[in-house]
Amino acid sequence: MTVYDNFMGNNGNSPNADKWRGWQGTGDYGYIADGSKVDIQNNMLRIHLKCTYESSPPKEASMGVRSLSKFTFQQTFKFKADWNTIPTAYRGIYNEFILCPTVADDPVRTETDFLWVKIVKSANVVYRYIEVWKRSGGSDTKLASWSFEFDDAMHQYEVIIDETNVTVKQDGTEKCQVAHGLSFTEVFIYFRGQTHHANWDDNYSDDVEASPLPSLLDSSIKQVKIAIIDLLKNDLGIQQILGTDPDGNVPVYHGFEKHRLHKPCITVMDVSENGEVAALNDGFDEEYSYEWYNTVIQIDCWAVDTSAKMGLELRDEISDKIKKAILSGKNTLRANGWIQQISDAVVVLLDEPDAKPPLWRKALRYRVFYIIASS
């Protein structure tokens, strides 16, 4: 997993402007006192926040940051979170982690769809509680909650979302796993602080781990191959057949020659490529110029005979797993490699039965269409 940001920097610095954009609440969430800010403190992200006054019903102050990169929610998000431990008799101090498919100046106030993890200080300061919510079509549903005694420690939270469930771990211990019913698959990360108290509250977050989707400007034949290799490496069926090589890696390699490292294995290589542009400026949208490319990606299955199984059978099992992984992973390839279309495989047998030992090899050739862009 990629470390998106660990918030290293001098105290008082703003968060990395290449990764985060600040926002402030408006309306009933815009009662933000002068001096409120989002900055770096002790190599952590701090939301330093106070409401201009308290009232009933309460007026609120909210602010935070949004990631500039977009992410697919079919992965693990890790982050650490806490708030200041200065005693207060108040409840209603929120440190929130939000995954939202849209750009907003306060998703809680304006957006209709997102996933929401709230860390809340309780009224008597002895306990804090965690809540997991989703908002779908503007309707809020609590998915899970738990509480524990207040302490001074920074706690690590892992939010794991797949096509069906959201799982939350606290310090490595699973606290909930529930079906989410989310309709979106790509999100921005938000950190959000909220209070309705006229005293200073500090929310802290740190060590954000998540893998951003590549920018269209990063699209390339290299990114296409990386996306395919990652898809195959992460397939459980392929992992079970291939095992690991001497370095402890799933043996899915870039380049034909890598088959010497370990067998059974898979290699991925591009064998031809053509650019296709229909007409001058046909793909210009005032931000990017686009060009279509089609390339043939060859995925080879390599096997030798073992005491447990004939290499011929092993080769065919690997081939079947690759076909299924590509078929089920087309959305992932579109998100991670800017692959717009991938054809059915043309299969070629390249066995070398007279080699010593016999080498069993099958090539699956996929025609892949992808986009490159220039600003």
Protein backbone atom coordinates (compact mmCIF):
# COMPACT_ATOMS: atom_id res chain seq x y z
CA MET A 1 0.00 0.00 0.00
CA THR A 2 1.17 3.52 -0.79
CA VAL A 3 1.77 6.11 1.94
CA TYR A 4 -0.24 9.00 0.52
CA ASP A 5 0.90 11.45 3.22
CA ASN A 6 2.56 11.26 6.64
CA PHE A 7 2.34 15.04 7.17
CA MET A 8 6.02 15.69 7.79
CA GLY A 9 6.93 19.37 8.08
CA ASN A 10 7.56 22.32 10.32
CA ASN A 11 4.93 23.26 12.88
CA GLY A 12 2.50 25.79 11.43
CA ASN A 13 3.07 24.79 7.81
CA SER A 14 0.07 24.17 5.60
CA PRO A 15 -0.55 20.58 4.38
CA ASN A 16 1.12 19.60 1.09
CA ALA A 17 -0.61 21.70 -1.58
CA ASP A 18 0.03 18.98 -4.19
CA LYS A 19 -2.08 16.54 -2.17
CA TRP A 20 -4.65 18.50 -0.15
CA ARG A 21 -6.98 21.43 -0.56
CA GLY A 22 -8.50 23.18 2.45
CA TRP A 23 -12.18 24.03 2.83
CA GLN A 24 -14.44 25.71 5.39
CA GLY A 25 -18.07 25.16 6.29
CA THR A 26 -20.72 27.73 5.40
CA GLY A 27 -24.19 28.57 6.65
CA ASP A 28 -24.94 26.98 10.03
CA TYR A 29 -21.53 25.28 9.85
CA GLY A 30 -19.65 28.50 9.14
CA TYR A 31 -19.37 29.99 12.64
CA ILE A 32 -15.60 29.69 12.58
CA ALA A 33 -13.55 31.79 15.00
CA ASP A 34 -10.56 33.82 13.83
CA GLY A 35 -7.39 31.82 14.28
CA SER A 36 -9.00 28.52 13.27
CA LYS A 37 -6.77 26.70 10.77
CA VAL A 38 -5.56 23.43 9.33
CA ASP A 39 -1.80 22.98 9.68
CA ILE A 40 1.05 20.64 10.53
CA GLN A 41 1.85 20.13 14.20
CA ASN A 42 4.39 17.57 15.46
CA ASN A 43 4.36 15.89 12.04
CA MET A 44 0.60 15.38 12.12
CA LEU A 45 -2.35 17.04 10.40
CA ARG A 46 -4.08 19.32 12.91
CA ILE A 47 -7.52 20.92 12.62
CA HIS A 48 -7.41 23.78 15.14
CA LEU A 49 -11.00 24.93 15.52
CA LYS A 50 -13.31 27.05 17.67
CA CYS A 51 -16.91 28.17 17.20
CA THR A 52 -17.65 31.88 17.46
CA TYR A 53 -20.36 31.29 20.06
CA GLU A 54 -22.50 28.60 21.63
CA SER A 55 -26.25 28.52 21.31
CA SER A 56 -29.22 26.20 21.40
CA PRO A 57 -29.90 24.83 18.88
CA PRO A 58 -26.13 24.90 18.31
CA LYS A 59 -24.32 26.81 15.62
CA GLU A 60 -21.37 24.86 14.27
CA ALA A 61 -17.85 25.43 13.03
CA SER A 62 -16.47 22.94 10.49
CA MET A 63 -13.34 22.87 8.37
CA GLY A 64 -10.81 20.42 6.99
CA VAL A 65 -8.99 19.19 3.88
CA ARG A 66 -9.82 17.16 0.77
CA SER A 67 -7.41 15.03 -1.22
CA LEU A 68 -6.65 16.27 -4.72
CA SER A 69 -6.18 12.67 -5.85
CA LYS A 70 -9.04 10.30 -6.36
CA PHE A 71 -9.05 6.73 -5.04
CA THR A 72 -10.94 3.53 -5.72
CA PHE A 73 -12.75 2.35 -2.61
CA GLN A 74 -11.96 -1.29 -3.46
CA GLN A 75 -8.86 -1.18 -1.25
CA THR A 76 -7.72 -0.50 2.32
CA PHE A 77 -7.51 3.03 3.73
CA LYS A 78 -5.37 3.42 6.86
CA PHE A 79 -5.03 6.49 9.02
CA LYS A 80 -4.30 7.47 12.61
CA ALA A 81 -6.59 9.82 14.47
CA ASP A 82 -7.07 11.52 17.84
CA TRP A 83 -7.94 14.92 19.30
CA ASN A 84 -6.60 17.06 22.09
CA THR A 85 -6.81 15.59 25.60
CA ILE A 86 -7.53 18.91 27.35
CA PRO A 87 -10.45 18.19 29.73
CA THR A 88 -13.76 19.66 28.70
CA ALA A 89 -17.27 19.01 29.91
CA TYR A 90 -18.64 19.21 26.40
CA ARG A 91 -19.79 16.68 23.92
CA GLY A 92 -19.91 17.27 20.21
CA ILE A 93 -16.25 17.43 19.17
CA TYR A 94 -15.94 15.49 15.93
CA ASN A 95 -12.90 14.15 14.09
CA GLU A 96 -14.19 12.66 10.85
CA PHE A 97 -12.88 10.63 7.94
CA ILE A 98 -15.05 10.76 4.82
CA LEU A 99 -14.90 8.98 1.47
CA CYS A 100 -16.99 11.00 -0.99
CA PRO A 101 -17.24 10.73 -4.80
CA THR A 102 -17.66 14.48 -5.30
CA VAL A 103 -15.78 17.71 -4.60
CA ALA A 104 -17.37 19.90 -1.92
CA ASP A 105 -16.70 22.60 0.65
CA ASP A 106 -18.26 20.46 3.37
CA PRO A 107 -19.60 17.11 2.19
CA VAL A 108 -21.59 16.51 5.39
CA ARG A 109 -23.60 19.65 4.71
CA THR A 110 -24.00 19.55 0.94
CA GLU A 111 -23.43 16.07 -0.54
CA THR A 112 -25.93 13.23 -0.94
CA ASP A 113 -23.63 10.18 -1.10
CA PHE A 114 -20.57 9.25 0.99
CA LEU A 115 -19.13 6.96 3.66
CA TRP A 116 -18.49 8.58 7.03
CA VAL A 117 -16.37 7.48 10.03
CA LYS A 118 -16.95 9.73 13.06
CA ILE A 119 -14.73 9.82 16.15
CA VAL A 120 -16.63 11.69 18.85
CA LYS A 121 -15.74 12.84 22.36
CA SER A 122 -18.52 11.96 24.80
CA ALA A 123 -20.17 14.26 27.31
CA ASN A 124 -18.40 13.05 30.43
CA VAL A 125 -14.88 12.86 28.88
CA VAL A 126 -14.47 9.31 30.17
CA TYR A 127 -15.57 7.70 26.92
CA ARG A 128 -15.35 8.35 23.23
CA TYR A 129 -17.28 6.55 20.56
CA ILE A 130 -16.85 5.65 16.92
CA GLU A 131 -19.68 5.60 14.42
CA VAL A 132 -19.75 4.41 10.81
CA TRP A 133 -22.44 5.98 8.64
CA LYS A 134 -23.34 6.05 5.00
CA ARG A 135 -25.36 8.65 3.19
CA SER A 136 -27.19 7.44 0.11
CA GLY A 137 -29.45 9.70 -1.89
CA GLY A 138 -29.40 12.18 0.99
CA SER A 139 -30.58 9.64 3.59
CA ASP A 140 -28.26 8.80 6.53
CA THR A 141 -27.91 5.24 7.87
CA LYS A 142 -25.79 4.22 10.85
CA LEU A 143 -23.91 1.05 9.94
CA ALA A 144 -22.04 0.42 13.21
CA SER A 145 -20.83 2.03 16.45
CA TRP A 146 -18.74 1.25 19.54
CA SER A 147 -17.19 3.12 22.48
CA PHE A 148 -14.15 2.85 24.73
CA GLU A 149 -12.49 4.73 27.56
CA PHE A 150 -10.81 8.00 26.71
CA ASP A 151 -7.00 7.87 26.69
CA ASP A 152 -4.04 9.90 25.47
CA ALA A 153 -2.96 7.51 22.68
CA MET A 154 -3.08 7.99 18.94
CA HIS A 155 -5.15 5.15 17.51
CA GLN A 156 -4.82 3.64 14.04
CA TYR A 157 -7.95 3.02 12.04
CA GLU A 158 -8.24 0.89 8.92
CA VAL A 159 -11.26 1.33 6.68
CA ILE A 160 -11.51 -1.57 4.23
CA ILE A 161 -14.17 -1.39 1.55
CA ASP A 162 -14.90 -4.01 -1.08
CA GLU A 163 -17.86 -4.41 -3.40
CA THR A 164 -20.10 -5.59 -0.56
CA ASN A 165 -18.81 -4.68 2.90
CA VAL A 166 -17.13 -1.99 4.94
CA THR A 167 -14.79 -3.23 7.68
CA VAL A 168 -13.26 -0.98 10.33
CA LYS A 169 -10.32 -1.99 12.51
CA GLN A 170 -9.04 -0.09 15.53
CA ASP A 171 -5.38 -0.76 16.36
CA GLY A 172 -5.52 -3.97 14.32
CA THR A 173 -8.66 -5.33 15.99
CA GLU A 174 -11.76 -5.67 13.83
CA LYS A 175 -14.61 -3.65 15.30
CA CYS A 176 -17.23 -4.03 12.61
CA GLN A 177 -17.97 -5.56 9.23
CA VAL A 178 -21.27 -4.62 7.65
CA ALA A 179 -22.79 -4.45 4.18
CA HIS A 180 -22.67 -0.89 2.86
CA GLY A 181 -24.81 -0.87 -0.28
CA LEU A 182 -22.71 1.94 -1.79
CA SER A 183 -23.38 2.78 -5.44
CA PHE A 184 -20.12 4.65 -6.15
CA THR A 185 -16.61 3.22 -6.56
CA GLU A 186 -14.24 6.22 -6.78
CA VAL A 187 -13.77 8.69 -3.95
CA PHE A 188 -11.88 11.67 -2.55
CA ILE A 189 -10.56 11.54 1.03
CA TYR A 190 -11.81 14.20 3.43
CA PHE A 191 -10.62 14.97 6.96
CA ARG A 192 -13.19 17.06 8.79
CA GLY A 193 -13.31 18.75 12.19
CA GLN A 194 -16.51 20.03 13.73
CA THR A 195 -17.40 21.73 17.05
CA HIS A 196 -20.10 23.98 18.50
CA HIS A 197 -18.01 25.11 21.47
CA ALA A 198 -16.36 28.48 22.06
CA ASN A 199 -13.16 26.86 23.27
CA TRP A 200 -10.26 25.63 21.15
CA ASP A 201 -10.33 21.98 20.04
CA ASP A 202 -7.58 20.23 18.14
CA ASN A 203 -8.22 17.20 15.94
CA TYR A 204 -5.20 15.23 14.75
CA SER A 205 -4.75 12.79 11.88
CA ASP A 206 -1.64 11.08 10.60
CA ASP A 207 -0.10 8.42 8.34
CA VAL A 208 -2.67 8.22 5.54
CA GLU A 209 -2.10 5.03 3.55
CA ALA A 210 -4.02 4.55 0.32
CA SER A 211 -3.18 4.15 -3.35
CA PRO A 212 -4.44 7.04 -5.50
CA LEU A 213 -5.79 6.41 -8.95
CA PRO A 214 -3.32 7.48 -11.60
CA SER A 215 -3.81 10.85 -13.22
CA LEU A 216 -4.73 10.83 -16.88
CA LEU A 217 -1.42 12.60 -17.50
CA ASP A 218 0.32 9.52 -16.05
CA SER A 219 -1.29 7.20 -18.59
CA SER A 220 1.25 5.20 -20.59
CA ILE A 221 2.01 1.70 -21.81
CA LYS A 222 3.97 1.25 -18.59
CA GLN A 223 0.86 2.09 -16.54
CA VAL A 224 -1.20 -0.36 -18.61
CA LYS A 225 1.22 -3.19 -17.81
CA ILE A 226 1.47 -2.23 -14.13
CA ALA A 227 -2.33 -2.32 -13.85
CA ILE A 228 -2.50 -5.79 -15.42
CA ILE A 229 0.36 -7.15 -13.30
CA ASP A 230 -1.18 -5.78 -10.10
CA LEU A 231 -4.57 -7.26 -11.00
CA LEU A 232 -3.06 -10.72 -11.53
CA LYS A 233 -0.86 -10.55 -8.43
CA ASN A 234 -3.84 -9.71 -6.24
CA ASP A 235 -6.04 -12.52 -7.55
CA LEU A 236 -6.43 -15.17 -4.83
CA GLY A 237 -6.82 -18.02 -7.32
CA ILE A 238 -3.56 -17.10 -9.05
CA GLN A 239 -1.79 -16.71 -5.71
CA GLN A 240 -2.83 -20.23 -4.68
CA ILE A 241 -1.50 -21.79 -7.88
CA LEU A 242 1.76 -19.85 -8.20
CA GLY A 243 2.80 -19.59 -4.56
CA THR A 244 5.78 -17.28 -4.00
CA ASP A 245 9.26 -17.00 -5.48
CA PRO A 246 12.52 -17.04 -3.44
CA ASP A 247 12.04 -13.33 -2.67
CA GLY A 248 8.58 -13.96 -1.22
CA ASN A 249 6.74 -12.30 -4.14
CA VAL A 250 3.84 -13.65 -6.17
CA PRO A 251 5.65 -14.62 -9.42
CA VAL A 252 3.89 -12.34 -11.90
CA TYR A 253 6.68 -10.59 -13.78
CA HIS A 254 7.25 -7.90 -16.39
CA GLY A 255 9.29 -9.35 -19.26
CA PHE A 256 9.58 -12.81 -20.80
CA GLU A 257 13.07 -13.45 -19.43
CA LYS A 258 11.84 -13.31 -15.83
CA HIS A 259 10.40 -16.83 -16.13
CA ARG A 260 13.85 -18.12 -15.16
CA LEU A 261 13.33 -16.80 -11.63
CA HIS A 262 10.57 -19.20 -10.65
CA LYS A 263 8.11 -21.69 -12.12
CA PRO A 264 5.19 -21.78 -12.26
CA CYS A 265 4.89 -18.10 -13.11
CA ILE A 266 3.22 -15.50 -15.30
CA THR A 267 4.96 -12.89 -17.45
CA VAL A 268 3.41 -9.76 -19.00
CA MET A 269 4.83 -7.92 -22.02
CA ASP A 270 3.63 -5.61 -24.79
CA VAL A 271 4.44 -6.98 -28.24
CA SER A 272 2.98 -4.32 -30.58
CA GLU A 273 1.38 -0.88 -30.44
CA ASN A 274 -0.43 1.57 -32.73
CA GLY A 275 -1.62 5.12 -32.17
CA GLU A 276 -5.01 6.07 -33.55
CA VAL A 277 -6.11 9.70 -33.91
CA ALA A 278 -9.19 10.31 -36.04
CA ALA A 279 -8.47 13.95 -36.90
CA LEU A 280 -6.46 16.96 -35.76
CA ASN A 281 -7.77 18.24 -32.38
CA ASP A 282 -10.46 15.54 -32.34
CA GLY A 283 -9.60 14.74 -28.75
CA PHE A 284 -9.12 18.20 -27.24
CA ASP A 285 -11.37 19.35 -24.40
CA GLU A 286 -9.56 22.61 -23.48
CA GLU A 287 -7.74 20.80 -20.67
CA TYR A 288 -6.11 17.77 -22.28
CA SER A 289 -5.25 16.56 -25.75
CA TYR A 290 -6.03 12.84 -26.05
CA GLU A 291 -4.72 10.08 -28.25
CA TRP A 292 -6.02 6.53 -28.53
CA TYR A 293 -3.57 3.66 -28.58
CA ASN A 294 -4.12 -0.01 -29.13
CA THR A 295 -1.53 -2.50 -28.06
CA VAL A 296 -1.20 -6.26 -27.87
CA ILE A 297 -0.38 -7.42 -24.35
CA GLN A 298 0.95 -10.96 -24.17
CA ILE A 299 0.45 -12.80 -20.88
CA ASP A 300 2.43 -16.04 -20.72
CA CYS A 301 1.78 -19.00 -18.42
CA TRP A 302 4.96 -20.96 -17.58
CA ALA A 303 5.07 -24.36 -15.89
CA VAL A 304 7.21 -27.46 -15.48
CA ASP A 305 6.34 -30.94 -14.29
CA THR A 306 6.28 -31.42 -10.53
CA SER A 307 5.78 -34.44 -8.29
CA ALA A 308 2.26 -33.20 -7.57
CA LYS A 309 1.05 -32.23 -11.02
CA MET A 310 1.97 -32.41 -14.70
CA GLY A 311 3.17 -29.11 -16.10
CA LEU A 312 0.65 -29.36 -18.92
CA GLU A 313 -2.24 -29.34 -16.45
CA LEU A 314 -0.68 -26.59 -14.35
CA ARG A 315 -0.23 -24.39 -17.42
CA ASP A 316 -3.93 -24.75 -18.30
CA GLU A 317 -5.03 -23.99 -14.75
CA ILE A 318 -2.99 -20.77 -14.75
CA SER A 319 -4.46 -19.81 -18.13
CA ASP A 320 -8.02 -20.28 -16.85
CA LYS A 321 -7.33 -18.14 -13.76
CA ILE A 322 -5.88 -15.34 -15.91
CA LYS A 323 -8.95 -15.30 -18.16
CA LYS A 324 -11.28 -15.04 -15.18
CA ALA A 325 -9.18 -12.36 -13.47
CA ILE A 326 -9.15 -10.20 -16.62
CA LEU A 327 -12.88 -10.73 -17.15
CA SER A 328 -13.85 -9.75 -13.59
CA GLY A 329 -11.23 -6.99 -13.29
CA LYS A 330 -12.10 -4.78 -16.25
CA ASN A 331 -13.36 -1.94 -14.04
CA THR A 332 -10.14 -2.06 -12.02
CA LEU A 333 -8.06 -1.94 -15.21
CA ARG A 334 -10.09 1.03 -16.46
CA ALA A 335 -9.49 2.89 -13.19
CA ASN A 336 -5.81 2.02 -12.72
CA GLY A 337 -4.50 1.84 -16.28
CA TRP A 338 -6.84 4.03 -18.35
CA ILE A 339 -7.74 0.90 -20.28
CA GLN A 340 -10.96 1.63 -22.15
CA GLN A 341 -11.46 -1.75 -23.77
CA ILE A 342 -9.82 -5.16 -23.71
CA SER A 343 -10.58 -7.87 -26.25
CA ASP A 344 -10.98 -11.61 -25.75
CA ALA A 345 -7.71 -13.49 -25.64
CA VAL A 346 -6.06 -15.09 -28.65
CA VAL A 347 -4.35 -18.18 -27.23
CA VAL A 348 -1.12 -19.60 -28.66
CA LEU A 349 0.66 -22.74 -27.45
CA LEU A 350 4.43 -22.30 -27.11
CA ASP A 351 5.36 -25.55 -25.36
CA GLU A 352 8.92 -26.88 -25.52
CA PRO A 353 8.43 -30.59 -24.73
CA ASP A 354 11.98 -31.50 -25.85
CA ALA A 355 13.61 -29.07 -23.42
CA LYS A 356 15.22 -30.49 -20.31
CA PRO A 357 13.12 -30.34 -18.26
CA PRO A 358 10.09 -29.98 -20.57
CA LEU A 359 8.72 -26.43 -20.56
CA TRP A 360 4.96 -25.91 -20.79
CA ARG A 361 3.97 -22.44 -21.99
CA LYS A 362 0.79 -20.83 -23.20
CA ALA A 363 0.49 -17.22 -24.43
CA LEU A 364 -2.71 -15.19 -24.06
CA ARG A 365 -2.68 -12.17 -26.36
CA TYR A 366 -5.10 -9.37 -25.49
CA ARG A 367 -5.72 -6.34 -27.66
CA VAL A 368 -5.95 -3.39 -25.29
CA PHE A 369 -7.24 0.11 -26.07
CA TYR A 370 -6.06 2.90 -23.79
CA ILE A 371 -5.75 6.69 -23.75
CA ILE A 372 -2.74 8.92 -23.30
CA ALA A 373 -3.05 12.62 -22.65
CA SER A 374 -1.02 15.79 -22.77
CA SER A 375 -1.91 19.08 -21.09
